[in-house]
Amino acid sequence: MDWQNRLISVFLFVSEIFKENLQYYVQRMSNNSSPRFTDVEVITVFLWGIMQHCTTNKDTYNYTNNYLREWFPHLPSYEAYIMRLNRLEDVFVPMIEEIQKHFPDNFLENIRLVDSMPIIMAKEKRSSKAKVATELANKGYCGSKGFYYYGVKIHFLGFSCPGTLPLPDYIGVTPASDHDLSAFRQIIPYLQDSQIYADKAYIDSLDREILNQQNVQIYTPVKKEKGQKNLYLFEQIWSTSVSRVRQPIESLFNWIQEKTNIQVASKVRSSNGLMVHVFGRLTAALFLLAFNS
């Protein structure tokens, strides 16, 4: 499929679900309730720019203005485009839910993988001075990469799919300082008959009674005891086995970052912009995942 047909496919998909569902999230009560540059076009331009590896909203706008003017003749000024885009923050979560309906059914329903990834608005020294979107973001520590940052975390719980990337089932966002368990505890009551593979962060402080009631088993690598220098051989084997099962979710994070540059949010300037950055880029990534395009 050439790029023109892919662009048309994105536009038609957005148009269809916008008419059926998304329009109710952005209803206008003003004299400009039917702008010439439609909400469907705003969303299409944004998603298509991400799919073309535009790393910022400014890059997406310039790409559209320079190369797609014939497709979007009513493209407004950059400032007006950003204002319109940020007003559409509420459409991306239900759009993700629509995309999930198109995921293939070759997943293992009872084997799930859980992890989180950082969305970095400011890093290291700058993280202490950041003031953007304070009601959503704060300073936290990324243990896997060993640095402090200001931003949020995305939490994933996904179905394991043999031979390919896992399919996200639950996606949540918390401030950077929140422990991974805080988000995970909220969804345990909704899980049934599951084997969940996680990293060491999920070992402690879980309500075993609830896990037993839900028939949920948590498998993690072995954590060294205080003062223990090395794991025993059987602990090493177990840890390696668990890590192999959960490795695809790390591959999913790497793939999403490669396709959308989602972890870099240094250009975000508002809470609305942060939510558009996170869920908009997830929408673009999951669209590619669902339709293999």
C-alpha atoms as a PDB file:
ATOM      1  CA  MET A   1       0.000   0.000   0.000  1.00  0.00           C
ATOM      2  CA  ASP A   2       1.457   3.388  -1.002  1.00  0.00           C
ATOM      3  CA  TRP A   3       1.531   6.356   1.363  1.00  0.00           C
ATOM      4  CA  GLN A   4      -1.516   8.028  -0.216  1.00  0.00           C
ATOM      5  CA  ASN A   5      -3.709   5.002   0.448  1.00  0.00           C
ATOM      6  CA  ARG A   6      -2.318   4.669   3.977  1.00  0.00           C
ATOM      7  CA  LEU A   7      -3.148   8.306   4.680  1.00  0.00           C
ATOM      8  CA  ILE A   8      -6.658   7.821   3.296  1.00  0.00           C
ATOM      9  CA  SER A   9      -7.051   4.726   5.487  1.00  0.00           C
ATOM     10  CA  VAL A  10      -6.114   6.688   8.594  1.00  0.00           C
ATOM     11  CA  PHE A  11      -8.517   9.497   7.663  1.00  0.00           C
ATOM     12  CA  LEU A  12     -11.409   7.100   6.991  1.00  0.00           C
ATOM     13  CA  PHE A  13     -10.829   5.190  10.233  1.00  0.00           C
ATOM     14  CA  VAL A  14     -10.748   8.404  12.288  1.00  0.00           C
ATOM     15  CA  SER A  15     -13.783   9.769  10.433  1.00  0.00           C
ATOM     16  CA  GLU A  16     -15.843   6.634  11.033  1.00  0.00           C
ATOM     17  CA  ILE A  17     -15.196   6.300  14.761  1.00  0.00           C
ATOM     18  CA  PHE A  18     -15.456  10.070  15.240  1.00  0.00           C
ATOM     19  CA  LYS A  19     -18.938  10.062  13.745  1.00  0.00           C
ATOM     20  CA  GLU A  20     -19.987   7.013  15.779  1.00  0.00           C
ATOM     21  CA  ASN A  21     -18.484   7.894  19.136  1.00  0.00           C
ATOM     22  CA  LEU A  22     -15.694  10.456  19.497  1.00  0.00           C
ATOM     23  CA  GLN A  23     -17.687  13.547  18.503  1.00  0.00           C
ATOM     24  CA  TYR A  24     -19.573  13.400  21.797  1.00  0.00           C
ATOM     25  CA  TYR A  25     -16.343  14.011  23.717  1.00  0.00           C
ATOM     26  CA  VAL A  26     -15.714  17.334  21.962  1.00  0.00           C
ATOM     27  CA  GLN A  27     -19.132  18.865  21.328  1.00  0.00           C
ATOM     28  CA  ARG A  28     -18.976  22.633  20.863  1.00  0.00           C
ATOM     29  CA  MET A  29     -21.468  25.207  22.061  1.00  0.00           C
ATOM     30  CA  SER A  30     -20.276  28.178  19.996  1.00  0.00           C
ATOM     31  CA  ASN A  31     -20.718  29.999  16.697  1.00  0.00           C
ATOM     32  CA  ASN A  32     -17.724  28.059  15.364  1.00  0.00           C
ATOM     33  CA  SER A  33     -19.178  24.594  15.916  1.00  0.00           C
ATOM     34  CA  SER A  34     -18.319  23.527  12.336  1.00  0.00           C
ATOM     35  CA  PRO A  35     -14.815  24.834  11.559  1.00  0.00           C
ATOM     36  CA  ARG A  36     -13.487  24.521   7.999  1.00  0.00           C
ATOM     37  CA  PHE A  37     -10.500  22.528   9.276  1.00  0.00           C
ATOM     38  CA  THR A  38     -12.408  19.731  10.961  1.00  0.00           C
ATOM     39  CA  ASP A  39     -11.602  17.816  14.138  1.00  0.00           C
ATOM     40  CA  VAL A  40     -11.157  14.694  12.020  1.00  0.00           C
ATOM     41  CA  GLU A  41      -8.487  16.521  10.015  1.00  0.00           C
ATOM     42  CA  VAL A  42      -6.760  17.719  13.206  1.00  0.00           C
ATOM     43  CA  ILE A  43      -6.555  14.153  14.515  1.00  0.00           C
ATOM     44  CA  THR A  44      -5.493  12.734  11.146  1.00  0.00           C
ATOM     45  CA  VAL A  45      -2.711  15.294  10.714  1.00  0.00           C
ATOM     46  CA  PHE A  46      -1.446  14.577  14.240  1.00  0.00           C
ATOM     47  CA  LEU A  47      -1.491  10.777  13.899  1.00  0.00           C
ATOM     48  CA  TRP A  48      -0.059  10.803  10.383  1.00  0.00           C
ATOM     49  CA  GLY A  49       2.796  13.066  11.465  1.00  0.00           C
ATOM     50  CA  ILE A  50       3.741  10.627  14.224  1.00  0.00           C
ATOM     51  CA  MET A  51       3.581   7.731  11.775  1.00  0.00           C
ATOM     52  CA  GLN A  52       6.002   9.662   9.558  1.00  0.00           C
ATOM     53  CA  HIS A  53       8.427   9.926  12.512  1.00  0.00           C
ATOM     54  CA  CYS A  54       7.814  13.605  13.228  1.00  0.00           C
ATOM     55  CA  THR A  55       9.209  13.971  16.738  1.00  0.00           C
ATOM     56  CA  THR A  56       7.371  17.165  17.767  1.00  0.00           C
ATOM     57  CA  ASN A  57       4.043  18.829  17.011  1.00  0.00           C
ATOM     58  CA  LYS A  58       5.960  21.602  15.245  1.00  0.00           C
ATOM     59  CA  ASP A  59       7.592  19.008  12.977  1.00  0.00           C
ATOM     60  CA  THR A  60       4.179  17.506  12.210  1.00  0.00           C
ATOM     61  CA  TYR A  61       2.730  20.919  11.360  1.00  0.00           C
ATOM     62  CA  ASN A  62       5.657  21.869   9.118  1.00  0.00           C
ATOM     63  CA  TYR A  63       5.527  18.488   7.363  1.00  0.00           C
ATOM     64  CA  THR A  64       1.815  18.922   6.667  1.00  0.00           C
ATOM     65  CA  ASN A  65       2.191  22.552   5.609  1.00  0.00           C
ATOM     66  CA  ASN A  66       5.083  21.796   3.254  1.00  0.00           C
ATOM     67  CA  TYR A  67       3.984  18.504   1.701  1.00  0.00           C
ATOM     68  CA  LEU A  68       0.278  17.930   2.296  1.00  0.00           C
ATOM     69  CA  ARG A  69      -1.342  21.298   1.624  1.00  0.00           C
ATOM     70  CA  GLU A  70      -3.359  19.839  -1.248  1.00  0.00           C
ATOM     71  CA  TRP A  71      -4.758  17.253   1.164  1.00  0.00           C
ATOM     72  CA  PHE A  72      -5.467  19.751   3.963  1.00  0.00           C
ATOM     73  CA  PRO A  73      -6.101  23.112   2.244  1.00  0.00           C
ATOM     74  CA  HIS A  74      -7.689  24.685   5.342  1.00  0.00           C
ATOM     75  CA  LEU A  75      -4.775  23.973   7.686  1.00  0.00           C
ATOM     76  CA  PRO A  76      -4.742  26.954  10.087  1.00  0.00           C
ATOM     77  CA  SER A  77      -1.785  28.668  11.711  1.00  0.00           C
ATOM     78  CA  TYR A  78       0.454  26.606  13.961  1.00  0.00           C
ATOM     79  CA  GLU A  79      -0.914  28.309  17.079  1.00  0.00           C
ATOM     80  CA  ALA A  80      -4.517  27.580  16.053  1.00  0.00           C
ATOM     81  CA  TYR A  81      -3.625  23.968  15.191  1.00  0.00           C
ATOM     82  CA  ILE A  82      -2.071  23.374  18.630  1.00  0.00           C
ATOM     83  CA  MET A  83      -5.035  24.987  20.382  1.00  0.00           C
ATOM     84  CA  ARG A  84      -7.429  22.739  18.447  1.00  0.00           C
ATOM     85  CA  LEU A  85      -5.306  19.649  19.096  1.00  0.00           C
ATOM     86  CA  ASN A  86      -5.117  20.220  22.858  1.00  0.00           C
ATOM     87  CA  ARG A  87      -8.894  20.636  23.007  1.00  0.00           C
ATOM     88  CA  LEU A  88      -9.172  17.096  21.634  1.00  0.00           C
ATOM     89  CA  GLU A  89      -7.282  15.431  24.493  1.00  0.00           C
ATOM     90  CA  ASP A  90     -10.388  13.470  25.553  1.00  0.00           C
ATOM     91  CA  VAL A  91     -10.765  11.616  22.243  1.00  0.00           C
ATOM     92  CA  PHE A  92      -7.579   9.567  22.358  1.00  0.00           C
ATOM     93  CA  VAL A  93      -8.462   7.178  25.200  1.00  0.00           C
ATOM     94  CA  PRO A  94     -11.765   6.082  23.585  1.00  0.00           C
ATOM     95  CA  MET A  95      -9.931   5.907  20.243  1.00  0.00           C
ATOM     96  CA  ILE A  96      -7.463   3.453  21.799  1.00  0.00           C
ATOM     97  CA  GLU A  97     -10.414   1.388  23.007  1.00  0.00           C
ATOM     98  CA  GLU A  98     -11.773   1.310  19.442  1.00  0.00           C
ATOM     99  CA  ILE A  99      -8.396   0.247  18.072  1.00  0.00           C
ATOM    100  CA  GLN A 100      -8.181  -2.565  20.638  1.00  0.00           C
ATOM    101  CA  LYS A 101     -11.246  -4.117  19.011  1.00  0.00           C
ATOM    102  CA  HIS A 102      -9.132  -4.702  15.905  1.00  0.00           C
ATOM    103  CA  PHE A 103      -6.292  -6.541  17.636  1.00  0.00           C
ATOM    104  CA  PRO A 104      -5.719 -10.120  16.435  1.00  0.00           C
ATOM    105  CA  ASP A 105      -7.040 -12.930  18.637  1.00  0.00           C
ATOM    106  CA  ASN A 106      -3.849 -15.001  18.804  1.00  0.00           C
ATOM    107  CA  PHE A 107      -2.997 -13.916  22.341  1.00  0.00           C
ATOM    108  CA  LEU A 108      -2.789 -16.075  25.462  1.00  0.00           C
ATOM    109  CA  GLU A 109      -5.675 -14.807  27.572  1.00  0.00           C
ATOM    110  CA  ASN A 110      -4.401 -16.127  30.893  1.00  0.00           C
ATOM    111  CA  ILE A 111      -0.739 -15.037  30.531  1.00  0.00           C
ATOM    112  CA  ARG A 112      -0.160 -11.335  30.990  1.00  0.00           C
ATOM    113  CA  LEU A 113       2.892  -9.114  31.197  1.00  0.00           C
ATOM    114  CA  VAL A 114       3.116  -5.953  33.289  1.00  0.00           C
ATOM    115  CA  ASP A 115       5.619  -3.101  33.383  1.00  0.00           C
ATOM    116  CA  SER A 116       5.949   0.682  33.179  1.00  0.00           C
ATOM    117  CA  MET A 117       7.891   3.176  31.079  1.00  0.00           C
ATOM    118  CA  PRO A 118       8.896   6.782  31.886  1.00  0.00           C
ATOM    119  CA  ILE A 119       7.681   9.841  29.970  1.00  0.00           C
ATOM    120  CA  ILE A 120      10.437  12.397  30.484  1.00  0.00           C
ATOM    121  CA  MET A 121       9.637  16.110  30.515  1.00  0.00           C
ATOM    122  CA  ALA A 122      12.919  17.086  32.198  1.00  0.00           C
ATOM    123  CA  LYS A 123      15.920  15.017  33.211  1.00  0.00           C
ATOM    124  CA  GLU A 124      18.612  15.024  35.914  1.00  0.00           C
ATOM    125  CA  LYS A 125      19.382  18.585  37.128  1.00  0.00           C
ATOM    126  CA  ARG A 126      16.496  20.154  35.209  1.00  0.00           C
ATOM    127  CA  SER A 127      14.039  17.752  36.857  1.00  0.00           C
ATOM    128  CA  SER A 128      14.131  19.698  40.132  1.00  0.00           C
ATOM    129  CA  LYS A 129      13.126  22.966  38.465  1.00  0.00           C
ATOM    130  CA  ALA A 130      10.336  21.705  36.191  1.00  0.00           C
ATOM    131  CA  LYS A 131       6.904  23.275  36.813  1.00  0.00           C
ATOM    132  CA  VAL A 132       4.781  22.121  33.852  1.00  0.00           C
ATOM    133  CA  ALA A 133       1.583  20.098  34.415  1.00  0.00           C
ATOM    134  CA  THR A 134       2.196  19.858  38.162  1.00  0.00           C
ATOM    135  CA  GLU A 135      -1.253  18.318  38.755  1.00  0.00           C
ATOM    136  CA  LEU A 136      -0.186  15.322  36.656  1.00  0.00           C
ATOM    137  CA  ALA A 137       3.619  15.144  36.724  1.00  0.00           C
ATOM    138  CA  ASN A 138       6.343  15.181  39.361  1.00  0.00           C
ATOM    139  CA  LYS A 139       9.904  14.031  39.973  1.00  0.00           C
ATOM    140  CA  GLY A 140      10.690  10.339  40.137  1.00  0.00           C
ATOM    141  CA  TYR A 141      13.467   7.831  39.635  1.00  0.00           C
ATOM    142  CA  CYS A 142      13.840   5.400  36.730  1.00  0.00           C
ATOM    143  CA  GLY A 143      15.495   2.375  38.312  1.00  0.00           C
ATOM    144  CA  SER A 144      16.064   0.468  35.063  1.00  0.00           C
ATOM    145  CA  LYS A 145      18.054   3.336  33.538  1.00  0.00           C
ATOM    146  CA  GLY A 146      19.383   4.908  36.720  1.00  0.00           C
ATOM    147  CA  PHE A 147      18.337   8.561  36.508  1.00  0.00           C
ATOM    148  CA  TYR A 148      15.930  11.061  38.057  1.00  0.00           C
ATOM    149  CA  TYR A 149      13.382  12.738  35.831  1.00  0.00           C
ATOM    150  CA  TYR A 150      10.316  14.965  35.917  1.00  0.00           C
ATOM    151  CA  GLY A 151       7.266  13.552  34.169  1.00  0.00           C
ATOM    152  CA  VAL A 152       4.839  10.651  34.355  1.00  0.00           C
ATOM    153  CA  LYS A 153       4.804   6.869  34.005  1.00  0.00           C
ATOM    154  CA  ILE A 154       2.780   4.780  31.595  1.00  0.00           C
ATOM    155  CA  HIS A 155       1.695   1.437  33.059  1.00  0.00           C
ATOM    156  CA  PHE A 156       0.931  -1.485  30.754  1.00  0.00           C
ATOM    157  CA  LEU A 157      -0.744  -4.795  31.371  1.00  0.00           C
ATOM    158  CA  GLY A 158      -0.740  -6.818  28.172  1.00  0.00           C
ATOM    159  CA  PHE A 159      -1.605 -10.256  26.832  1.00  0.00           C
ATOM    160  CA  SER A 160       1.302 -12.458  25.821  1.00  0.00           C
ATOM    161  CA  CYS A 161       1.339 -13.293  22.089  1.00  0.00           C
ATOM    162  CA  PRO A 162       3.666 -16.110  21.009  1.00  0.00           C
ATOM    163  CA  GLY A 163       6.283 -14.896  18.548  1.00  0.00           C
ATOM    164  CA  THR A 164       5.219 -11.249  18.502  1.00  0.00           C
ATOM    165  CA  LEU A 165       4.668  -8.154  20.647  1.00  0.00           C
ATOM    166  CA  PRO A 166       2.147  -8.337  23.522  1.00  0.00           C
ATOM    167  CA  LEU A 167      -1.232  -6.690  23.078  1.00  0.00           C
ATOM    168  CA  PRO A 168      -2.020  -3.979  25.657  1.00  0.00           C
ATOM    169  CA  ASP A 169      -5.107  -4.663  27.749  1.00  0.00           C
ATOM    170  CA  TYR A 170      -4.772  -2.004  30.464  1.00  0.00           C
ATOM    171  CA  ILE A 171      -2.973   1.330  30.088  1.00  0.00           C
ATOM    172  CA  GLY A 172      -2.702   3.834  32.918  1.00  0.00           C
ATOM    173  CA  VAL A 173      -0.741   6.994  33.699  1.00  0.00           C
ATOM    174  CA  THR A 174       0.592   8.094  37.095  1.00  0.00           C
ATOM    175  CA  PRO A 175       3.059  10.734  38.332  1.00  0.00           C
ATOM    176  CA  ALA A 176       6.701   9.686  38.002  1.00  0.00           C
ATOM    177  CA  SER A 177       7.131   9.203  41.764  1.00  0.00           C
ATOM    178  CA  ASP A 178       4.320   6.644  42.085  1.00  0.00           C
ATOM    179  CA  HIS A 179       5.465   3.071  42.649  1.00  0.00           C
ATOM    180  CA  ASP A 180       4.455   0.569  39.972  1.00  0.00           C
ATOM    181  CA  LEU A 181       2.477  -1.360  42.576  1.00  0.00           C
ATOM    182  CA  SER A 182       0.171   1.624  43.158  1.00  0.00           C
ATOM    183  CA  ALA A 183      -1.230   1.340  39.636  1.00  0.00           C
ATOM    184  CA  PHE A 184      -1.227  -2.458  39.659  1.00  0.00           C
ATOM    185  CA  ARG A 185      -3.256  -2.705  42.874  1.00  0.00           C
ATOM    186  CA  GLN A 186      -6.091  -0.764  41.240  1.00  0.00           C
ATOM    187  CA  ILE A 187      -6.656  -3.398  38.570  1.00  0.00           C
ATOM    188  CA  ILE A 188      -6.100  -6.617  40.542  1.00  0.00           C
ATOM    189  CA  PRO A 189      -9.819  -6.852  41.498  1.00  0.00           C
ATOM    190  CA  TYR A 190     -10.667  -6.932  37.768  1.00  0.00           C
ATOM    191  CA  LEU A 191      -8.278  -9.749  36.901  1.00  0.00           C
ATOM    192  CA  GLN A 192      -9.350 -13.370  36.894  1.00  0.00           C
ATOM    193  CA  ASP A 193      -7.454 -16.625  36.389  1.00  0.00           C
ATOM    194  CA  SER A 194      -4.224 -14.988  35.252  1.00  0.00           C
ATOM    195  CA  GLN A 195      -0.525 -15.697  35.360  1.00  0.00           C
ATOM    196  CA  ILE A 196       1.241 -12.338  35.499  1.00  0.00           C
ATOM    197  CA  TYR A 197       4.930 -11.942  34.753  1.00  0.00           C
ATOM    198  CA  ALA A 198       6.562  -8.852  36.227  1.00  0.00           C
ATOM    199  CA  ASP A 199       9.893  -7.445  37.357  1.00  0.00           C
ATOM    200  CA  LYS A 200      11.198  -7.293  40.928  1.00  0.00           C
ATOM    201  CA  ALA A 201       9.273  -4.101  41.684  1.00  0.00           C
ATOM    202  CA  TYR A 202       6.070  -6.158  41.978  1.00  0.00           C
ATOM    203  CA  ILE A 203       7.336  -8.619  44.594  1.00  0.00           C
ATOM    204  CA  ASP A 204       6.338  -6.932  47.851  1.00  0.00           C
ATOM    205  CA  SER A 205       3.222  -5.552  49.510  1.00  0.00           C
ATOM    206  CA  LEU A 206       0.537  -7.245  47.409  1.00  0.00           C
ATOM    207  CA  ASP A 207      -2.662  -8.449  49.042  1.00  0.00           C
ATOM    208  CA  ARG A 208      -2.254 -12.221  48.783  1.00  0.00           C
ATOM    209  CA  GLU A 209      -5.848 -12.814  49.868  1.00  0.00           C
ATOM    210  CA  ILE A 210      -7.199 -10.854  46.913  1.00  0.00           C
ATOM    211  CA  LEU A 211      -4.764 -12.581  44.547  1.00  0.00           C
ATOM    212  CA  ASN A 212      -5.962 -15.981  45.778  1.00  0.00           C
ATOM    213  CA  GLN A 213      -9.614 -14.990  45.450  1.00  0.00           C
ATOM    214  CA  GLN A 214      -9.014 -13.884  41.859  1.00  0.00           C
ATOM    215  CA  ASN A 215      -6.842 -16.933  41.120  1.00  0.00           C
ATOM    216  CA  VAL A 216      -3.997 -14.621  40.079  1.00  0.00           C
ATOM    217  CA  GLN A 217      -0.390 -15.768  40.236  1.00  0.00           C
ATOM    218  CA  ILE A 218       2.491 -13.250  40.138  1.00  0.00           C
ATOM    219  CA  TYR A 219       5.829 -14.462  38.792  1.00  0.00           C
ATOM    220  CA  THR A 220       8.924 -12.295  39.242  1.00  0.00           C
ATOM    221  CA  PRO A 221      12.699 -12.796  39.206  1.00  0.00           C
ATOM    222  CA  VAL A 222      14.178 -13.680  42.588  1.00  0.00           C
ATOM    223  CA  LYS A 223      15.266 -10.728  44.701  1.00  0.00           C
ATOM    224  CA  LYS A 224      18.494 -11.092  46.662  1.00  0.00           C
ATOM    225  CA  GLU A 225      18.191 -11.159  50.427  1.00  0.00           C
ATOM    226  CA  LYS A 226      19.975  -8.482  52.396  1.00  0.00           C
ATOM    227  CA  GLY A 227      23.674  -9.330  52.421  1.00  0.00           C
ATOM    228  CA  GLN A 228      23.308 -12.051  49.786  1.00  0.00           C
ATOM    229  CA  LYS A 229      26.016 -11.717  47.124  1.00  0.00           C
ATOM    230  CA  ASN A 230      24.769 -14.210  44.539  1.00  0.00           C
ATOM    231  CA  LEU A 231      21.594 -16.093  43.790  1.00  0.00           C
ATOM    232  CA  TYR A 232      21.545 -19.858  44.154  1.00  0.00           C
ATOM    233  CA  LEU A 233      21.641 -21.811  40.894  1.00  0.00           C
ATOM    234  CA  PHE A 234      17.940 -22.713  40.966  1.00  0.00           C
ATOM    235  CA  GLU A 235      17.123 -19.033  41.681  1.00  0.00           C
ATOM    236  CA  GLN A 236      19.198 -17.957  38.699  1.00  0.00           C
ATOM    237  CA  ILE A 237      17.411 -20.455  36.463  1.00  0.00           C
ATOM    238  CA  TRP A 238      13.997 -19.297  37.699  1.00  0.00           C
ATOM    239  CA  SER A 239      14.869 -15.608  37.251  1.00  0.00           C
ATOM    240  CA  THR A 240      16.116 -16.229  33.732  1.00  0.00           C
ATOM    241  CA  SER A 241      12.933 -18.116  32.849  1.00  0.00           C
ATOM    242  CA  VAL A 242      10.688 -15.330  34.132  1.00  0.00           C
ATOM    243  CA  SER A 243      12.752 -12.676  32.354  1.00  0.00           C
ATOM    244  CA  ARG A 244      12.419 -14.530  29.058  1.00  0.00           C
ATOM    245  CA  VAL A 245       8.635 -14.634  29.342  1.00  0.00           C
ATOM    246  CA  ARG A 246       8.347 -10.918  30.166  1.00  0.00           C
ATOM    247  CA  GLN A 247      11.004  -9.739  27.703  1.00  0.00           C
ATOM    248  CA  PRO A 248       8.414  -9.016  24.948  1.00  0.00           C
ATOM    249  CA  ILE A 249       6.893  -6.170  26.964  1.00  0.00           C
ATOM    250  CA  GLU A 250      10.296  -4.486  27.008  1.00  0.00           C
ATOM    251  CA  SER A 251      10.415  -5.035  23.249  1.00  0.00           C
ATOM    252  CA  LEU A 252       6.974  -3.397  23.022  1.00  0.00           C
ATOM    253  CA  PHE A 253       8.254  -0.327  24.878  1.00  0.00           C
ATOM    254  CA  ASN A 254      11.288  -0.121  22.581  1.00  0.00           C
ATOM    255  CA  TRP A 255       9.040  -0.469  19.534  1.00  0.00           C
ATOM    256  CA  ILE A 256       6.644   2.263  20.712  1.00  0.00           C
ATOM    257  CA  GLN A 257       9.572   4.579  21.425  1.00  0.00           C
ATOM    258  CA  GLU A 258      11.085   3.877  18.002  1.00  0.00           C
ATOM    259  CA  LYS A 259       7.790   4.568  16.227  1.00  0.00           C
ATOM    260  CA  THR A 260       6.602   7.601  18.224  1.00  0.00           C
ATOM    261  CA  ASN A 261       9.431   9.047  20.372  1.00  0.00           C
ATOM    262  CA  ILE A 262       6.894   8.991  23.205  1.00  0.00           C
ATOM    263  CA  GLN A 263       9.402   9.073  26.060  1.00  0.00           C
ATOM    264  CA  VAL A 264      10.714  12.516  25.096  1.00  0.00           C
ATOM    265  CA  ALA A 265       8.173  15.125  26.253  1.00  0.00           C
ATOM    266  CA  SER A 266      10.471  18.112  26.801  1.00  0.00           C
ATOM    267  CA  LYS A 267       8.416  20.307  24.440  1.00  0.00           C
ATOM    268  CA  VAL A 268       5.154  19.808  26.367  1.00  0.00           C
ATOM    269  CA  ARG A 269       3.894  23.043  27.928  1.00  0.00           C
ATOM    270  CA  SER A 270       0.533  22.173  29.530  1.00  0.00           C
ATOM    271  CA  SER A 271      -1.487  19.402  31.155  1.00  0.00           C
ATOM    272  CA  ASN A 272      -3.652  19.089  28.044  1.00  0.00           C
ATOM    273  CA  GLY A 273      -0.546  18.911  25.909  1.00  0.00           C
ATOM    274  CA  LEU A 274       0.897  16.180  28.126  1.00  0.00           C
ATOM    275  CA  MET A 275      -2.205  14.010  27.799  1.00  0.00           C
ATOM    276  CA  VAL A 276      -2.256  14.547  24.025  1.00  0.00           C
ATOM    277  CA  HIS A 277       1.419  13.613  23.870  1.00  0.00           C
ATOM    278  CA  VAL A 278       0.971  10.413  25.882  1.00  0.00           C
ATOM    279  CA  PHE A 279      -2.336   9.047  24.624  1.00  0.00           C
ATOM    280  CA  GLY A 280      -2.053  10.514  21.121  1.00  0.00           C
ATOM    281  CA  ARG A 281       1.280   8.811  20.507  1.00  0.00           C
ATOM    282  CA  LEU A 282      -0.027   5.602  22.034  1.00  0.00           C
ATOM    283  CA  THR A 283      -2.972   5.831  19.642  1.00  0.00           C
ATOM    284  CA  ALA A 284      -0.630   6.097  16.661  1.00  0.00           C
ATOM    285  CA  ALA A 285       1.500   3.180  17.875  1.00  0.00           C
ATOM    286  CA  LEU A 286      -1.468   0.907  18.566  1.00  0.00           C
ATOM    287  CA  PHE A 287      -2.982   1.800  15.190  1.00  0.00           C
ATOM    288  CA  LEU A 288       0.215   0.525  13.556  1.00  0.00           C
ATOM    289  CA  LEU A 289       0.188  -2.549  15.800  1.00  0.00           C
ATOM    290  CA  ALA A 290      -3.447  -3.399  15.119  1.00  0.00           C
ATOM    291  CA  PHE A 291      -3.366  -2.900  11.360  1.00  0.00           C
ATOM    292  CA  ASN A 292       0.246  -3.991  10.786  1.00  0.00           C
ATOM    293  CA  SER A 293       0.920  -0.938   8.623  1.00  0.00           C
END
